[in-house]
Amino acid sequence: MIQSFWKTIAFALLLLAVGCDALDPAPEATITKVGGDPPLEQTGKALYERNCANCHGLDGISVSPDVTQMKGWTSTSTGTFGKLDTTMTQGPSGMPRFDTLDTEARMKIYEHMKTL
């Protein structure tokens, strides 16, 4: 009788172990971002901070020229992206060239500079 009891317990444990192994694990959760903000490294602010802020400061007021006073370069009413783009790609005296940044990145920097 005791031997039969242990055989039953062993068989039940075997079924339990096999049954647990056969269960499908829950699928991993995936999050799909729809719309919203672009990744931080692609924003004009992040590009400005990485490429311009060392000289011009986070607020645009540091080494000359003060980019907040460059109205002819950044104001939508009196200037265009073209002058700033030329300056960034050719680099005036003392300023490094940023010709490795594509036009879209330079435009994002320009748009950020208008907010300073």
N, C-alpha and C. Protein backbone atom coordinates (compact mmCIF):
# COMPACT_ATOMS: atom_id res chain seq x y z
N MET A 1 0.81 -1.18 0.00
CA MET A 1 0.00 0.00 0.00
C MET A 1 0.86 1.26 0.00
N ILE A 2 1.90 1.30 0.85
CA ILE A 2 2.77 2.47 0.91
C ILE A 2 3.52 2.61 -0.41
N GLN A 3 3.93 1.48 -0.98
CA GLN A 3 4.66 1.52 -2.25
C GLN A 3 3.74 2.08 -3.35
N SER A 4 2.49 1.73 -3.36
CA SER A 4 1.52 2.22 -4.33
C SER A 4 1.32 3.73 -4.16
N PHE A 5 1.29 4.19 -2.91
CA PHE A 5 1.13 5.61 -2.61
C PHE A 5 2.29 6.41 -3.21
N TRP A 6 3.52 5.95 -3.01
CA TRP A 6 4.69 6.66 -3.51
C TRP A 6 4.76 6.62 -5.04
N LYS A 7 4.32 5.53 -5.62
CA LYS A 7 4.27 5.46 -7.09
C LYS A 7 3.27 6.49 -7.63
N THR A 8 2.15 6.63 -6.95
CA THR A 8 1.14 7.60 -7.37
C THR A 8 1.69 9.03 -7.25
N ILE A 9 2.37 9.31 -6.13
CA ILE A 9 2.97 10.64 -5.92
C ILE A 9 4.02 10.91 -6.99
N ALA A 10 4.88 9.92 -7.26
CA ALA A 10 5.94 10.08 -8.26
C ALA A 10 5.33 10.32 -9.64
N PHE A 11 4.28 9.58 -9.98
CA PHE A 11 3.62 9.74 -11.27
C PHE A 11 2.97 11.13 -11.37
N ALA A 12 2.34 11.58 -10.30
CA ALA A 12 1.71 12.90 -10.29
C ALA A 12 2.76 14.00 -10.47
N LEU A 13 3.90 13.87 -9.79
CA LEU A 13 4.98 14.86 -9.94
C LEU A 13 5.54 14.86 -11.35
N LEU A 14 5.65 13.68 -11.94
CA LEU A 14 6.13 13.57 -13.32
C LEU A 14 5.16 14.28 -14.27
N LEU A 15 3.87 14.03 -14.10
CA LEU A 15 2.87 14.70 -14.94
C LEU A 15 2.91 16.22 -14.75
N LEU A 16 3.07 16.64 -13.51
CA LEU A 16 3.15 18.07 -13.22
C LEU A 16 4.37 18.70 -13.90
N ALA A 17 5.51 18.03 -13.81
CA ALA A 17 6.74 18.56 -14.41
C ALA A 17 6.61 18.63 -15.93
N VAL A 18 6.09 17.59 -16.54
CA VAL A 18 5.92 17.57 -17.99
C VAL A 18 4.88 18.61 -18.42
N GLY A 19 3.82 18.72 -17.67
CA GLY A 19 2.78 19.69 -17.99
C GLY A 19 3.27 21.12 -17.90
N CYS A 20 4.07 21.43 -16.89
CA CYS A 20 4.60 22.79 -16.74
C CYS A 20 5.55 23.14 -17.86
N ASP A 21 6.32 22.16 -18.30
CA ASP A 21 7.28 22.40 -19.38
C ASP A 21 6.58 22.62 -20.71
N ALA A 22 5.39 22.06 -20.86
CA ALA A 22 4.68 22.15 -22.12
C ALA A 22 3.96 23.48 -22.30
N LEU A 23 3.78 24.22 -21.22
CA LEU A 23 3.09 25.51 -21.33
C LEU A 23 3.92 26.50 -22.12
N ASP A 24 3.26 27.23 -23.00
CA ASP A 24 3.96 28.27 -23.74
C ASP A 24 4.25 29.43 -22.81
N PRO A 25 5.47 29.95 -22.87
CA PRO A 25 5.76 31.13 -22.05
C PRO A 25 4.98 32.33 -22.60
N ALA A 26 4.72 33.26 -21.74
CA ALA A 26 4.02 34.47 -22.16
C ALA A 26 4.90 35.23 -23.15
N PRO A 27 4.31 35.78 -24.21
CA PRO A 27 5.13 36.54 -25.17
C PRO A 27 5.70 37.78 -24.50
N GLU A 28 6.87 38.17 -24.97
CA GLU A 28 7.51 39.37 -24.43
C GLU A 28 6.72 40.59 -24.86
N ALA A 29 6.58 41.51 -23.95
CA ALA A 29 5.86 42.74 -24.26
C ALA A 29 6.70 43.60 -25.21
N THR A 30 6.05 44.14 -26.21
CA THR A 30 6.74 45.06 -27.11
C THR A 30 5.99 46.39 -27.08
N ILE A 31 6.76 47.45 -27.11
CA ILE A 31 6.17 48.78 -27.09
C ILE A 31 6.52 49.45 -28.41
N THR A 32 5.52 49.84 -29.13
CA THR A 32 5.72 50.54 -30.39
C THR A 32 5.33 51.99 -30.18
N LYS A 33 6.30 52.87 -30.37
CA LYS A 33 6.03 54.30 -30.20
C LYS A 33 5.43 54.83 -31.49
N VAL A 34 4.30 55.46 -31.37
CA VAL A 34 3.63 56.03 -32.52
C VAL A 34 3.63 57.55 -32.37
N GLY A 35 4.21 58.22 -33.33
CA GLY A 35 4.25 59.68 -33.27
C GLY A 35 5.10 60.17 -32.12
N GLY A 36 4.75 61.31 -31.60
CA GLY A 36 5.47 61.85 -30.45
C GLY A 36 6.75 62.55 -30.85
N ASP A 37 7.57 62.81 -29.85
CA ASP A 37 8.82 63.52 -30.05
C ASP A 37 9.86 62.63 -30.70
N PRO A 38 10.76 63.22 -31.50
CA PRO A 38 11.86 62.44 -32.06
C PRO A 38 12.83 62.08 -30.95
N PRO A 39 13.66 61.07 -31.17
CA PRO A 39 14.67 60.75 -30.17
C PRO A 39 15.50 61.99 -29.85
N LEU A 40 15.94 62.09 -28.60
CA LEU A 40 16.62 63.29 -28.13
C LEU A 40 17.82 63.66 -29.00
N GLU A 41 18.59 62.66 -29.46
CA GLU A 41 19.80 62.98 -30.22
C GLU A 41 19.50 63.60 -31.57
N GLN A 42 18.23 63.59 -32.00
CA GLN A 42 17.86 64.16 -33.29
C GLN A 42 17.20 65.53 -33.18
N THR A 43 17.05 66.05 -31.98
CA THR A 43 16.39 67.35 -31.85
C THR A 43 17.39 68.47 -32.11
N GLY A 44 16.87 69.62 -32.51
CA GLY A 44 17.72 70.78 -32.74
C GLY A 44 18.48 71.18 -31.50
N LYS A 45 17.81 71.10 -30.36
CA LYS A 45 18.45 71.46 -29.09
C LYS A 45 19.65 70.54 -28.82
N ALA A 46 19.46 69.24 -28.99
CA ALA A 46 20.56 68.30 -28.74
C ALA A 46 21.70 68.51 -29.73
N LEU A 47 21.36 68.75 -30.99
CA LEU A 47 22.39 69.00 -32.00
C LEU A 47 23.15 70.29 -31.68
N TYR A 48 22.43 71.33 -31.26
CA TYR A 48 23.07 72.59 -30.88
C TYR A 48 24.00 72.36 -29.69
N GLU A 49 23.50 71.66 -28.68
CA GLU A 49 24.32 71.42 -27.48
C GLU A 49 25.59 70.64 -27.82
N ARG A 50 25.48 69.68 -28.73
CA ARG A 50 26.63 68.85 -29.09
C ARG A 50 27.62 69.58 -30.00
N ASN A 51 27.12 70.45 -30.87
CA ASN A 51 27.99 71.05 -31.89
C ASN A 51 28.30 72.53 -31.70
N CYS A 52 27.47 73.26 -30.98
CA CYS A 52 27.61 74.72 -30.92
C CYS A 52 27.84 75.26 -29.51
N ALA A 53 27.27 74.60 -28.52
CA ALA A 53 27.25 75.16 -27.16
C ALA A 53 28.62 75.29 -26.53
N ASN A 54 29.60 74.51 -26.97
CA ASN A 54 30.94 74.65 -26.39
C ASN A 54 31.49 76.06 -26.58
N CYS A 55 31.19 76.67 -27.69
CA CYS A 55 31.66 78.03 -27.95
C CYS A 55 30.58 79.08 -27.68
N HIS A 56 29.35 78.78 -28.10
CA HIS A 56 28.29 79.78 -28.03
C HIS A 56 27.44 79.68 -26.76
N GLY A 57 27.70 78.69 -25.92
CA GLY A 57 26.95 78.54 -24.68
C GLY A 57 25.57 77.93 -24.89
N LEU A 58 25.04 77.31 -23.84
CA LEU A 58 23.72 76.69 -23.93
C LEU A 58 22.64 77.72 -24.23
N ASP A 59 22.84 78.94 -23.76
CA ASP A 59 21.85 79.99 -23.97
C ASP A 59 22.17 80.87 -25.18
N GLY A 60 23.25 80.55 -25.90
CA GLY A 60 23.64 81.33 -27.08
C GLY A 60 24.46 82.56 -26.77
N ILE A 61 24.73 82.79 -25.49
CA ILE A 61 25.47 83.99 -25.08
C ILE A 61 26.78 83.54 -24.45
N SER A 62 27.82 83.50 -25.23
CA SER A 62 29.13 83.12 -24.71
C SER A 62 30.18 83.76 -25.59
N VAL A 63 30.89 82.95 -26.33
CA VAL A 63 31.92 83.46 -27.24
C VAL A 63 31.24 84.23 -28.37
N SER A 64 31.86 85.32 -28.77
CA SER A 64 31.33 86.13 -29.86
C SER A 64 31.31 85.30 -31.14
N PRO A 65 30.32 85.39 -31.98
CA PRO A 65 29.18 86.27 -31.80
C PRO A 65 28.11 85.63 -30.92
N ASP A 66 27.42 86.49 -30.23
CA ASP A 66 26.29 86.10 -29.40
C ASP A 66 25.17 85.69 -30.35
N VAL A 67 24.85 84.41 -30.40
CA VAL A 67 23.88 83.95 -31.40
C VAL A 67 22.48 84.48 -31.17
N THR A 68 22.19 84.97 -29.98
CA THR A 68 20.87 85.56 -29.76
C THR A 68 20.75 86.93 -30.42
N GLN A 69 21.89 87.53 -30.79
CA GLN A 69 21.89 88.84 -31.45
C GLN A 69 22.10 88.72 -32.96
N MET A 70 22.14 87.52 -33.47
CA MET A 70 22.37 87.31 -34.90
C MET A 70 21.03 87.36 -35.63
N LYS A 71 20.32 88.45 -35.47
CA LYS A 71 18.97 88.56 -36.02
C LYS A 71 18.92 88.38 -37.53
N GLY A 72 19.93 88.88 -38.21
CA GLY A 72 19.94 88.73 -39.66
C GLY A 72 20.15 87.29 -40.09
N TRP A 73 20.58 86.45 -39.15
CA TRP A 73 20.84 85.05 -39.49
C TRP A 73 19.71 84.15 -39.05
N THR A 74 19.08 84.50 -37.95
CA THR A 74 18.11 83.56 -37.40
C THR A 74 16.68 84.06 -37.40
N SER A 75 16.46 85.34 -37.56
CA SER A 75 15.10 85.86 -37.54
C SER A 75 14.39 85.47 -38.82
N THR A 76 13.19 84.97 -38.68
CA THR A 76 12.44 84.57 -39.87
C THR A 76 12.03 85.77 -40.70
N SER A 77 11.94 86.94 -40.08
CA SER A 77 11.50 88.11 -40.84
C SER A 77 12.65 88.82 -41.54
N THR A 78 13.86 88.76 -40.98
CA THR A 78 14.96 89.52 -41.58
C THR A 78 16.09 88.66 -42.14
N GLY A 79 16.06 87.39 -41.91
CA GLY A 79 17.17 86.56 -42.37
C GLY A 79 16.68 85.22 -42.87
N THR A 80 17.63 84.45 -43.34
CA THR A 80 17.27 83.14 -43.86
C THR A 80 18.23 82.09 -43.32
N PHE A 81 17.83 80.88 -43.50
CA PHE A 81 18.68 79.76 -43.12
C PHE A 81 19.96 79.75 -43.95
N GLY A 82 19.91 80.27 -45.15
CA GLY A 82 21.06 80.23 -46.06
C GLY A 82 22.33 80.82 -45.50
N LYS A 83 22.25 81.99 -44.88
CA LYS A 83 23.46 82.63 -44.34
C LYS A 83 24.06 81.80 -43.21
N LEU A 84 23.21 81.31 -42.32
CA LEU A 84 23.71 80.47 -41.23
C LEU A 84 24.26 79.16 -41.77
N ASP A 85 23.59 78.59 -42.76
CA ASP A 85 24.04 77.34 -43.35
C ASP A 85 25.42 77.51 -43.98
N THR A 86 25.62 78.60 -44.70
CA THR A 86 26.93 78.87 -45.31
C THR A 86 28.00 79.02 -44.23
N THR A 87 27.67 79.74 -43.18
CA THR A 87 28.62 79.94 -42.08
C THR A 87 28.98 78.60 -41.44
N MET A 88 27.98 77.75 -41.23
CA MET A 88 28.24 76.46 -40.59
C MET A 88 29.06 75.53 -41.48
N THR A 89 28.80 75.53 -42.77
CA THR A 89 29.51 74.60 -43.65
C THR A 89 30.89 75.10 -44.05
N GLN A 90 31.10 76.42 -44.11
CA GLN A 90 32.40 76.94 -44.52
C GLN A 90 33.26 77.36 -43.34
N GLY A 91 32.63 77.67 -42.22
CA GLY A 91 33.37 78.05 -41.02
C GLY A 91 34.17 79.32 -41.21
N PRO A 92 33.70 80.45 -40.65
CA PRO A 92 34.47 81.68 -40.74
C PRO A 92 35.74 81.57 -39.90
N SER A 93 36.56 82.57 -39.95
CA SER A 93 37.82 82.58 -39.21
C SER A 93 37.59 82.23 -37.74
N GLY A 94 38.27 81.19 -37.29
CA GLY A 94 38.19 80.78 -35.89
C GLY A 94 37.07 79.81 -35.57
N MET A 95 36.15 79.60 -36.50
CA MET A 95 35.04 78.68 -36.25
C MET A 95 35.25 77.41 -37.05
N PRO A 96 35.08 76.25 -36.42
CA PRO A 96 35.23 75.00 -37.18
C PRO A 96 34.10 74.84 -38.19
N ARG A 97 34.38 74.08 -39.22
CA ARG A 97 33.36 73.79 -40.23
C ARG A 97 32.48 72.66 -39.74
N PHE A 98 31.21 72.75 -40.04
CA PHE A 98 30.26 71.70 -39.68
C PHE A 98 29.65 71.10 -40.95
N ASP A 99 30.49 70.90 -41.96
CA ASP A 99 30.01 70.36 -43.22
C ASP A 99 29.71 68.87 -43.15
N THR A 100 30.05 68.22 -42.03
CA THR A 100 29.70 66.81 -41.87
C THR A 100 28.25 66.64 -41.42
N LEU A 101 27.64 67.71 -40.91
CA LEU A 101 26.23 67.66 -40.55
C LEU A 101 25.40 67.80 -41.83
N ASP A 102 24.38 66.99 -41.97
CA ASP A 102 23.56 67.12 -43.17
C ASP A 102 22.65 68.35 -43.06
N THR A 103 22.04 68.71 -44.16
CA THR A 103 21.22 69.92 -44.21
C THR A 103 20.09 69.86 -43.19
N GLU A 104 19.49 68.70 -43.02
CA GLU A 104 18.39 68.56 -42.06
C GLU A 104 18.86 68.86 -40.64
N ALA A 105 20.03 68.36 -40.27
CA ALA A 105 20.58 68.63 -38.94
C ALA A 105 20.89 70.11 -38.76
N ARG A 106 21.47 70.73 -39.79
CA ARG A 106 21.77 72.17 -39.69
C ARG A 106 20.49 72.99 -39.59
N MET A 107 19.44 72.56 -40.29
CA MET A 107 18.15 73.25 -40.20
C MET A 107 17.57 73.12 -38.79
N LYS A 108 17.72 71.96 -38.18
CA LYS A 108 17.22 71.77 -36.81
C LYS A 108 17.98 72.68 -35.84
N ILE A 109 19.28 72.81 -36.04
CA ILE A 109 20.08 73.73 -35.20
C ILE A 109 19.58 75.15 -35.41
N TYR A 110 19.36 75.54 -36.65
CA TYR A 110 18.85 76.87 -36.99
C TYR A 110 17.52 77.13 -36.28
N GLU A 111 16.61 76.17 -36.35
CA GLU A 111 15.30 76.34 -35.71
C GLU A 111 15.47 76.48 -34.19
N HIS A 112 16.39 75.73 -33.61
CA HIS A 112 16.63 75.86 -32.16
C HIS A 112 17.22 77.23 -31.83
N MET A 113 18.15 77.70 -32.65
CA MET A 113 18.77 79.00 -32.39
C MET A 113 17.75 80.12 -32.38
N LYS A 114 16.68 80.00 -33.15
CA LYS A 114 15.64 81.03 -33.16
C LYS A 114 14.90 81.10 -31.83
N THR A 115 15.00 80.05 -31.03
CA THR A 115 14.31 80.06 -29.73
C THR A 115 15.17 80.63 -28.61
N LEU A 116 16.45 80.90 -28.89
CA LEU A 116 17.34 81.39 -27.84
C LEU A 116 17.13 82.87 -27.59
